[in-house]
Amino acid sequence: MQQTTLYVPFNASTRSPWILRRNAELVGQYATREEALRHAVSLTATLRAQYGHVVDIKVEDEAGHWSAAGEAREAGVPD
């Protein structure tokens, strides 16, 4: 099975887009963090169903720490 990681880096700017990356490749740019995460969840389902990939979503917080999307929610980082 292939391992894929989707990354949502932190964006402190209100004027620039939130980015979603698949490994190192740019997937898209979104107006909000929530939109980027929604697309990541949708892409995860597709990659698992169509290609059998193992997929993780990593989210960066404002301090530069990365955590799994579920862990970010548990730490109080809103989706």
C-alpha atoms as a PDB file:
ATOM      1  CA  MET A   1       0.000   0.000   0.000  1.00  0.00           C
ATOM      2  CA  GLN A   2       1.157   3.490  -0.756  1.00  0.00           C
ATOM      3  CA  GLN A   3       1.378   6.041   2.068  1.00  0.00           C
ATOM      4  CA  THR A   4       0.086   9.532   1.274  1.00  0.00           C
ATOM      5  CA  THR A   5       0.147  12.516   3.608  1.00  0.00           C
ATOM      6  CA  LEU A   6      -1.989  15.591   3.074  1.00  0.00           C
ATOM      7  CA  TYR A   7      -0.674  18.786   4.696  1.00  0.00           C
ATOM      8  CA  VAL A   8      -2.545  21.944   5.705  1.00  0.00           C
ATOM      9  CA  PRO A   9       0.136  24.485   6.714  1.00  0.00           C
ATOM     10  CA  PHE A  10      -0.772  27.314   9.090  1.00  0.00           C
ATOM     11  CA  ASN A  11      -1.567  30.649   7.448  1.00  0.00           C
ATOM     12  CA  ALA A  12      -1.557  33.739   9.669  1.00  0.00           C
ATOM     13  CA  SER A  13      -2.502  36.087   6.829  1.00  0.00           C
ATOM     14  CA  THR A  14      -6.118  37.015   6.241  1.00  0.00           C
ATOM     15  CA  ARG A  15      -5.287  37.932   2.639  1.00  0.00           C
ATOM     16  CA  SER A  16      -3.542  34.821   1.356  1.00  0.00           C
ATOM     17  CA  PRO A  17      -5.118  31.420   0.744  1.00  0.00           C
ATOM     18  CA  TRP A  18      -4.885  28.277   2.838  1.00  0.00           C
ATOM     19  CA  ILE A  19      -2.892  25.629   1.017  1.00  0.00           C
ATOM     20  CA  LEU A  20      -3.393  21.891   0.769  1.00  0.00           C
ATOM     21  CA  ARG A  21      -0.443  19.705  -0.250  1.00  0.00           C
ATOM     22  CA  ARG A  22      -0.271  16.035  -1.121  1.00  0.00           C
ATOM     23  CA  ASN A  23       3.178  15.014   0.039  1.00  0.00           C
ATOM     24  CA  ALA A  24       5.199  17.891  -1.531  1.00  0.00           C
ATOM     25  CA  GLU A  25       2.769  18.602  -4.390  1.00  0.00           C
ATOM     26  CA  LEU A  26       0.351  21.549  -4.271  1.00  0.00           C
ATOM     27  CA  VAL A  27      -3.230  20.266  -4.432  1.00  0.00           C
ATOM     28  CA  GLY A  28      -5.115  23.541  -4.091  1.00  0.00           C
ATOM     29  CA  GLN A  29      -5.611  26.904  -2.444  1.00  0.00           C
ATOM     30  CA  TYR A  30      -8.688  27.722  -0.389  1.00  0.00           C
ATOM     31  CA  ALA A  31     -10.230  30.807   1.174  1.00  0.00           C
ATOM     32  CA  THR A  32     -10.423  29.266   4.655  1.00  0.00           C
ATOM     33  CA  ARG A  33      -8.778  26.561   6.728  1.00  0.00           C
ATOM     34  CA  GLU A  34     -12.120  24.779   6.955  1.00  0.00           C
ATOM     35  CA  GLU A  35     -12.374  24.580   3.153  1.00  0.00           C
ATOM     36  CA  ALA A  36      -8.842  23.176   2.915  1.00  0.00           C
ATOM     37  CA  LEU A  37      -9.647  20.534   5.541  1.00  0.00           C
ATOM     38  CA  ARG A  38     -12.964  19.646   3.870  1.00  0.00           C
ATOM     39  CA  HIS A  39     -11.149  19.068   0.594  1.00  0.00           C
ATOM     40  CA  ALA A  40      -8.471  17.010   2.389  1.00  0.00           C
ATOM     41  CA  VAL A  41     -11.142  14.750   3.921  1.00  0.00           C
ATOM     42  CA  SER A  42     -12.831  14.341   0.534  1.00  0.00           C
ATOM     43  CA  LEU A  43      -9.509  13.573  -1.163  1.00  0.00           C
ATOM     44  CA  THR A  44      -8.678  11.063   1.576  1.00  0.00           C
ATOM     45  CA  ALA A  45     -11.857   9.131   0.854  1.00  0.00           C
ATOM     46  CA  THR A  46     -11.101   9.094  -2.875  1.00  0.00           C
ATOM     47  CA  LEU A  47      -7.487   7.981  -2.451  1.00  0.00           C
ATOM     48  CA  ARG A  48      -8.527   5.181  -0.105  1.00  0.00           C
ATOM     49  CA  ALA A  49     -11.452   3.958  -2.207  1.00  0.00           C
ATOM     50  CA  GLN A  50      -9.931   4.212  -5.680  1.00  0.00           C
ATOM     51  CA  TYR A  51      -6.266   3.478  -5.024  1.00  0.00           C
ATOM     52  CA  GLY A  52      -6.116   1.748  -1.639  1.00  0.00           C
ATOM     53  CA  HIS A  53      -3.731   4.363  -0.218  1.00  0.00           C
ATOM     54  CA  VAL A  54      -3.097   4.815   3.475  1.00  0.00           C
ATOM     55  CA  VAL A  55      -3.776   8.530   4.001  1.00  0.00           C
ATOM     56  CA  ASP A  56      -2.952  10.874   6.878  1.00  0.00           C
ATOM     57  CA  ILE A  57      -3.961  14.520   7.204  1.00  0.00           C
ATOM     58  CA  LYS A  58      -1.462  16.721   9.064  1.00  0.00           C
ATOM     59  CA  VAL A  59      -2.401  20.202  10.277  1.00  0.00           C
ATOM     60  CA  GLU A  60       0.089  22.860  11.367  1.00  0.00           C
ATOM     61  CA  ASP A  61      -0.772  25.099  14.306  1.00  0.00           C
ATOM     62  CA  GLU A  62       0.329  28.707  14.793  1.00  0.00           C
ATOM     63  CA  ALA A  63       3.398  27.563  16.776  1.00  0.00           C
ATOM     64  CA  GLY A  64       4.606  25.465  13.828  1.00  0.00           C
ATOM     65  CA  HIS A  65       3.741  22.074  15.325  1.00  0.00           C
ATOM     66  CA  TRP A  66       2.182  19.414  13.115  1.00  0.00           C
ATOM     67  CA  SER A  67      -0.513  17.018  14.319  1.00  0.00           C
ATOM     68  CA  ALA A  68      -2.982  14.612  12.764  1.00  0.00           C
ATOM     69  CA  ALA A  69      -6.283  16.257  11.848  1.00  0.00           C
ATOM     70  CA  GLY A  70      -8.121  14.368  14.645  1.00  0.00           C
ATOM     71  CA  GLU A  71      -5.457  15.301  17.185  1.00  0.00           C
ATOM     72  CA  ALA A  72      -5.730  18.967  16.197  1.00  0.00           C
ATOM     73  CA  ARG A  73      -9.459  18.885  16.982  1.00  0.00           C
ATOM     74  CA  GLU A  74      -8.794  17.247  20.357  1.00  0.00           C
ATOM     75  CA  ALA A  75      -6.238  19.972  21.178  1.00  0.00           C
ATOM     76  CA  GLY A  76      -8.888  22.624  20.583  1.00  0.00           C
ATOM     77  CA  VAL A  77      -7.824  23.729  17.104  1.00  0.00           C
ATOM     78  CA  PRO A  78     -11.115  24.310  15.273  1.00  0.00           C
ATOM     79  CA  ASP A  79     -11.788  22.772  11.862  1.00  0.00           C
END
